[in-house]
Each structure stands twice: as structure tokens, then as C-alpha cells.
Amino acid sequence: MSNPQPGNSLHGVTLEIILTRLVEHHGWEELGRTINIKCFNHEPSIKSSLKFLRKTPWAREKVEGLYLRNPGTTD
């Protein structure tokens, strides 16, 4: 009964994958300029950023939106 989520571009893509690809594509400095949040600008790490993004829906939405707008980060 596998029912993929039609219209959900992020189905099957974890937040960790999204963040890792954005960092690989943009780097922390550019990512921090694009989405001005402390976890990207002050001693950034995947772990600390994931912790913040999982607790902060507005920031997660911005990260997911950036990921979807950048063809270089998606498969």
C-alpha cells in the first residue's frame, strides 16, 4: 500500500540531506547571508543547525524553500 505523496517535492528527502546539499552548494557564509539565522552565521555546524531547524518551523520553511529554488542542490 505504498502511496507516494503527489505534489510533495520533498517527500523522502530528510532535513539533514537538504541542509548538507545547501552547505555543499553555497557554503556556510553564503547560506548565512541568504537566510540570516544565528546557527548559520556563528560557529555553524550541521548538528546545531538541524537542532534549531527542527524546533523552528519558519526557519525550516526558509531552508526547504531555498533548497527547492536551487536546481544545483536537488537530484
N, C-alpha and C. Protein backbone atom coordinates (compact mmCIF):
# COMPACT_ATOMS: atom_id res chain seq x y z
N MET A 1 0.81 -1.18 0.00
CA MET A 1 0.00 0.00 0.00
C MET A 1 0.86 1.26 0.00
N SER A 2 1.90 1.26 -0.82
CA SER A 2 2.79 2.40 -0.94
C SER A 2 2.07 3.53 -1.66
N ASN A 3 1.90 4.63 -0.95
CA ASN A 3 1.19 5.77 -1.51
C ASN A 3 2.09 7.00 -1.48
N PRO A 4 2.83 7.25 -2.57
CA PRO A 4 3.69 8.43 -2.57
C PRO A 4 2.85 9.69 -2.43
N GLN A 5 3.45 10.71 -1.94
CA GLN A 5 2.74 11.97 -1.72
C GLN A 5 2.80 12.81 -2.99
N PRO A 6 1.74 12.79 -3.78
CA PRO A 6 1.76 13.58 -5.01
C PRO A 6 1.84 15.07 -4.70
N GLY A 7 2.67 15.76 -5.43
CA GLY A 7 2.82 17.19 -5.24
C GLY A 7 3.77 17.59 -4.12
N ASN A 8 4.31 16.64 -3.40
CA ASN A 8 5.25 16.96 -2.32
C ASN A 8 6.67 16.75 -2.85
N SER A 9 7.31 17.81 -3.24
CA SER A 9 8.66 17.74 -3.81
C SER A 9 9.71 17.28 -2.81
N LEU A 10 9.41 17.36 -1.55
CA LEU A 10 10.39 16.99 -0.52
C LEU A 10 10.16 15.59 0.05
N HIS A 11 9.19 14.87 -0.48
CA HIS A 11 8.90 13.53 0.02
C HIS A 11 10.14 12.65 -0.09
N GLY A 12 10.55 12.07 1.03
CA GLY A 12 11.70 11.18 1.05
C GLY A 12 13.04 11.87 1.22
N VAL A 13 13.03 13.19 1.31
CA VAL A 13 14.28 13.94 1.49
C VAL A 13 14.31 14.46 2.92
N THR A 14 15.31 14.04 3.68
CA THR A 14 15.39 14.46 5.08
C THR A 14 15.94 15.88 5.20
N LEU A 15 15.69 16.49 6.33
CA LEU A 15 16.22 17.82 6.59
C LEU A 15 17.74 17.81 6.58
N GLU A 16 18.32 16.73 7.06
CA GLU A 16 19.79 16.62 7.05
C GLU A 16 20.33 16.60 5.63
N ILE A 17 19.68 15.89 4.73
CA ILE A 17 20.11 15.87 3.32
C ILE A 17 19.98 17.26 2.72
N ILE A 18 18.86 17.92 2.98
CA ILE A 18 18.63 19.26 2.45
C ILE A 18 19.73 20.21 2.91
N LEU A 19 19.99 20.22 4.20
CA LEU A 19 20.99 21.12 4.76
C LEU A 19 22.39 20.81 4.24
N THR A 20 22.73 19.54 4.18
CA THR A 20 24.05 19.14 3.68
C THR A 20 24.25 19.58 2.24
N ARG A 21 23.25 19.39 1.41
CA ARG A 21 23.37 19.80 0.00
C ARG A 21 23.46 21.31 -0.14
N LEU A 22 22.70 22.04 0.67
CA LEU A 22 22.79 23.50 0.62
C LEU A 22 24.18 23.99 1.04
N VAL A 23 24.73 23.39 2.08
CA VAL A 23 26.07 23.78 2.54
C VAL A 23 27.11 23.43 1.48
N GLU A 24 27.00 22.27 0.87
CA GLU A 24 27.94 21.89 -0.19
C GLU A 24 27.85 22.83 -1.38
N HIS A 25 26.65 23.24 -1.71
CA HIS A 25 26.43 24.09 -2.88
C HIS A 25 26.78 25.56 -2.62
N HIS A 26 26.36 26.08 -1.46
CA HIS A 26 26.52 27.51 -1.16
C HIS A 26 27.65 27.81 -0.18
N GLY A 27 27.92 26.90 0.74
CA GLY A 27 28.85 27.19 1.83
C GLY A 27 28.11 27.89 2.95
N TRP A 28 28.67 27.82 4.15
CA TRP A 28 28.01 28.41 5.32
C TRP A 28 27.87 29.93 5.20
N GLU A 29 28.91 30.59 4.68
CA GLU A 29 28.89 32.05 4.62
C GLU A 29 27.74 32.56 3.74
N GLU A 30 27.63 32.01 2.55
CA GLU A 30 26.54 32.43 1.65
C GLU A 30 25.18 32.02 2.20
N LEU A 31 25.10 30.83 2.79
CA LEU A 31 23.85 30.37 3.37
C LEU A 31 23.42 31.32 4.50
N GLY A 32 24.36 31.77 5.29
CA GLY A 32 24.06 32.71 6.38
C GLY A 32 23.63 34.07 5.88
N ARG A 33 24.15 34.49 4.73
CA ARG A 33 23.70 35.76 4.14
C ARG A 33 22.30 35.61 3.56
N THR A 34 22.02 34.47 2.96
CA THR A 34 20.73 34.25 2.32
C THR A 34 19.62 34.06 3.35
N ILE A 35 19.89 33.27 4.37
CA ILE A 35 18.94 33.05 5.46
C ILE A 35 19.66 33.45 6.75
N ASN A 36 19.37 34.64 7.22
CA ASN A 36 20.11 35.23 8.34
C ASN A 36 19.63 34.67 9.68
N ILE A 37 20.19 33.51 10.03
CA ILE A 37 19.91 32.93 11.35
C ILE A 37 21.24 32.59 12.01
N LYS A 38 21.27 32.71 13.32
CA LYS A 38 22.50 32.59 14.08
C LYS A 38 23.22 31.26 13.84
N CYS A 39 22.48 30.17 13.72
CA CYS A 39 23.14 28.86 13.58
C CYS A 39 23.89 28.73 12.26
N PHE A 40 23.64 29.62 11.29
CA PHE A 40 24.38 29.62 10.03
C PHE A 40 25.55 30.61 10.07
N ASN A 41 25.48 31.58 10.97
CA ASN A 41 26.47 32.66 10.99
C ASN A 41 27.48 32.60 12.13
N HIS A 42 27.18 31.87 13.18
CA HIS A 42 28.06 31.83 14.35
C HIS A 42 28.41 30.38 14.66
N GLU A 43 29.63 30.00 14.38
CA GLU A 43 30.11 28.63 14.59
C GLU A 43 29.14 27.59 14.02
N PRO A 44 28.88 27.66 12.71
CA PRO A 44 27.88 26.78 12.11
C PRO A 44 28.32 25.32 12.08
N SER A 45 27.35 24.44 12.25
CA SER A 45 27.57 23.02 12.09
C SER A 45 26.25 22.39 11.67
N ILE A 46 26.34 21.24 11.04
CA ILE A 46 25.13 20.54 10.63
C ILE A 46 24.30 20.20 11.88
N LYS A 47 24.96 19.67 12.90
CA LYS A 47 24.26 19.23 14.11
C LYS A 47 23.49 20.36 14.78
N SER A 48 24.15 21.50 15.01
CA SER A 48 23.47 22.61 15.69
C SER A 48 22.37 23.21 14.82
N SER A 49 22.61 23.26 13.53
CA SER A 49 21.61 23.81 12.62
C SER A 49 20.38 22.91 12.55
N LEU A 50 20.58 21.60 12.51
CA LEU A 50 19.45 20.67 12.50
C LEU A 50 18.62 20.81 13.77
N LYS A 51 19.29 20.93 14.90
CA LYS A 51 18.59 21.08 16.17
C LYS A 51 17.70 22.32 16.14
N PHE A 52 18.23 23.44 15.66
CA PHE A 52 17.46 24.68 15.58
C PHE A 52 16.33 24.56 14.57
N LEU A 53 16.61 24.04 13.38
CA LEU A 53 15.61 23.97 12.33
C LEU A 53 14.46 23.04 12.69
N ARG A 54 14.73 21.99 13.44
CA ARG A 54 13.66 21.06 13.84
C ARG A 54 12.71 21.70 14.84
N LYS A 55 13.18 22.70 15.58
CA LYS A 55 12.35 23.38 16.58
C LYS A 55 11.70 24.65 16.05
N THR A 56 12.13 25.11 14.88
CA THR A 56 11.73 26.43 14.41
C THR A 56 11.11 26.34 13.01
N PRO A 57 9.78 26.19 12.94
CA PRO A 57 9.12 25.98 11.66
C PRO A 57 9.39 27.06 10.60
N TRP A 58 9.42 28.33 10.99
CA TRP A 58 9.63 29.39 9.99
C TRP A 58 11.00 29.28 9.36
N ALA A 59 12.00 28.92 10.14
CA ALA A 59 13.36 28.79 9.61
C ALA A 59 13.46 27.56 8.71
N ARG A 60 12.83 26.47 9.13
CA ARG A 60 12.83 25.25 8.32
C ARG A 60 12.17 25.52 6.96
N GLU A 61 11.07 26.27 6.96
CA GLU A 61 10.39 26.60 5.71
C GLU A 61 11.31 27.39 4.78
N LYS A 62 12.08 28.31 5.33
CA LYS A 62 13.01 29.09 4.51
C LYS A 62 14.09 28.19 3.90
N VAL A 63 14.61 27.26 4.68
CA VAL A 63 15.65 26.33 4.21
C VAL A 63 15.08 25.42 3.12
N GLU A 64 13.90 24.87 3.37
CA GLU A 64 13.28 24.00 2.37
C GLU A 64 12.96 24.76 1.10
N GLY A 65 12.51 26.00 1.23
CA GLY A 65 12.21 26.83 0.06
C GLY A 65 13.46 27.11 -0.76
N LEU A 66 14.55 27.43 -0.09
CA LEU A 66 15.82 27.68 -0.78
C LEU A 66 16.28 26.43 -1.51
N TYR A 67 16.14 25.30 -0.87
CA TYR A 67 16.52 24.01 -1.48
C TYR A 67 15.72 23.77 -2.76
N LEU A 68 14.43 24.02 -2.71
CA LEU A 68 13.59 23.78 -3.88
C LEU A 68 13.84 24.78 -5.01
N ARG A 69 14.26 25.99 -4.66
CA ARG A 69 14.53 27.02 -5.68
C ARG A 69 15.89 26.87 -6.34
N ASN A 70 16.78 26.04 -5.79
CA ASN A 70 18.13 25.91 -6.32
C ASN A 70 18.31 24.56 -7.00
N PRO A 71 18.25 24.54 -8.32
CA PRO A 71 18.38 23.26 -9.03
C PRO A 71 19.71 22.56 -8.79
N GLY A 72 20.74 23.25 -8.41
CA GLY A 72 22.03 22.64 -8.17
C GLY A 72 22.08 21.80 -6.89
N THR A 73 21.06 21.93 -6.04
CA THR A 73 21.06 21.20 -4.78
C THR A 73 20.17 19.96 -4.81
N THR A 74 19.28 19.90 -5.77
CA THR A 74 18.37 18.75 -5.85
C THR A 74 18.88 17.76 -6.87
N ASP A 75 18.43 16.52 -6.73
CA ASP A 75 18.88 15.44 -7.64
C ASP A 75 18.40 15.64 -9.04
